[in-house]
């Protein structure tokens, strides 16, 4: 069962940008990668840094606190594959960007 929550509008993020959004009681990191929206957990597993505030490089976000990298489309670290964050499905309906809190 889906649990879609609107977190942004398509105009909020240009391609190559990310931001922190709130869905229910969770903080998530939303990214626009080449015109497609992706969402992962906002908390870096290393030291809790805010991934939504990180620099986007291609498909990856770089944690602003200590430089850990995660693939915005999968939540998996390209350096340490066992290091990962939760990924959430994203649905775009019109201008609304919605996240499914039930995960990917």
Protein backbone atom coordinates (compact mmCIF):
# COMPACT_ATOMS: atom_id res chain seq x y z
CA UNK A 1 0.00 0.00 0.00
CA UNK A 2 1.37 3.38 -0.92
CA UNK A 3 1.76 6.25 1.49
CA UNK A 4 2.34 9.20 -0.88
CA UNK A 5 3.12 12.56 0.70
CA UNK A 6 3.72 15.77 -1.24
CA UNK A 7 7.18 17.10 -0.41
CA UNK A 8 7.87 19.65 -3.18
CA UNK A 9 6.88 21.02 -6.54
CA UNK A 10 8.79 20.24 -9.72
CA UNK A 11 9.93 23.88 -9.97
CA UNK A 12 11.62 23.69 -6.54
CA UNK A 13 14.68 21.82 -7.84
CA UNK A 14 16.60 22.32 -11.06
CA UNK A 15 18.51 19.36 -12.52
CA UNK A 16 21.62 18.74 -10.41
CA UNK A 17 20.11 20.18 -7.22
CA UNK A 18 19.07 18.62 -3.94
CA UNK A 19 17.31 19.77 -0.80
CA UNK A 20 16.02 18.56 2.53
CA UNK A 21 12.27 17.94 2.67
CA UNK A 22 9.90 16.77 5.37
CA UNK A 23 7.44 13.91 4.88
CA UNK A 24 5.37 13.16 7.93
CA UNK A 25 7.88 13.03 10.76
CA UNK A 26 10.87 12.14 8.53
CA UNK A 27 13.52 14.37 7.03
CA UNK A 28 14.44 13.20 3.55
CA UNK A 29 16.86 14.29 0.85
CA UNK A 30 15.21 15.00 -2.51
CA UNK A 31 17.26 15.31 -5.70
CA UNK A 32 16.64 16.22 -9.33
CA UNK A 33 19.00 14.08 -11.40
CA UNK A 34 18.73 14.89 -15.11
CA UNK A 35 15.07 15.89 -14.74
CA UNK A 36 14.04 12.85 -12.69
CA UNK A 37 13.35 13.10 -8.95
CA UNK A 38 14.93 10.73 -6.42
CA UNK A 39 14.63 10.54 -2.65
CA UNK A 40 16.85 9.01 0.02
CA UNK A 41 17.11 9.32 3.79
CA UNK A 42 18.56 12.68 4.80
CA UNK A 43 20.84 11.29 7.52
CA UNK A 44 24.35 10.16 6.55
CA UNK A 45 25.15 6.91 8.39
CA UNK A 46 28.71 8.10 9.11
CA UNK A 47 28.02 10.96 11.52
CA UNK A 48 24.45 12.06 10.79
CA UNK A 49 25.21 14.79 8.26
CA UNK A 50 22.33 16.27 6.22
CA UNK A 51 22.58 14.69 2.77
CA UNK A 52 19.97 17.09 1.35
CA UNK A 53 22.48 19.91 1.89
CA UNK A 54 25.29 18.09 0.10
CA UNK A 55 26.85 18.86 -3.27
CA UNK A 56 25.40 16.88 -6.17
CA UNK A 57 27.99 15.42 -8.55
CA UNK A 58 26.36 13.44 -11.36
CA UNK A 59 24.15 10.84 -9.64
CA UNK A 60 25.95 11.24 -6.31
CA UNK A 61 25.53 13.45 -3.30
CA UNK A 62 28.54 14.32 -1.15
CA UNK A 63 27.77 14.66 2.56
CA UNK A 64 28.62 18.23 3.60
CA UNK A 65 30.12 17.11 6.93
CA UNK A 66 32.74 14.50 6.05
CA UNK A 67 32.54 13.88 2.31
CA UNK A 68 30.88 10.46 2.26
CA UNK A 69 29.22 9.83 -1.13
CA UNK A 70 25.91 8.16 -1.92
CA UNK A 71 24.15 7.41 -5.18
CA UNK A 72 20.99 9.55 -5.16
CA UNK A 73 19.17 6.94 -7.27
CA UNK A 74 19.92 3.90 -5.08
CA UNK A 75 21.09 5.17 -1.67
CA UNK A 76 24.25 3.04 -1.93
CA UNK A 77 27.79 4.34 -1.42
CA UNK A 78 29.95 3.91 -4.53
CA UNK A 79 33.00 3.53 -2.26
CA UNK A 80 31.65 1.20 0.44
CA UNK A 81 28.67 -0.75 -0.97
CA UNK A 82 27.62 -1.90 2.52
CA UNK A 83 27.15 1.77 3.51
CA UNK A 84 23.72 2.83 2.35
CA UNK A 85 20.71 4.92 3.23
CA UNK A 86 17.04 4.15 2.68
CA UNK A 87 15.65 4.97 -0.76
CA UNK A 88 12.06 6.06 -1.34
CA UNK A 89 9.96 5.90 -4.48
CA UNK A 90 9.01 9.27 -5.96
CA UNK A 91 5.88 10.01 -7.99
CA UNK A 92 5.34 13.23 -9.95
CA UNK A 93 1.68 14.17 -10.38
CA UNK A 94 1.33 17.38 -12.36
CA UNK A 95 3.65 19.79 -10.52
CA UNK A 96 3.56 17.85 -7.25
CA UNK A 97 6.51 15.72 -6.19
CA UNK A 98 5.33 12.99 -3.84
CA UNK A 99 7.32 10.45 -1.86
CA UNK A 100 6.16 6.99 -0.83
CA UNK A 101 7.18 6.56 2.80
CA UNK A 102 6.78 2.79 2.51
CA UNK A 103 10.20 2.71 0.81
CA UNK A 104 11.31 1.59 -2.63
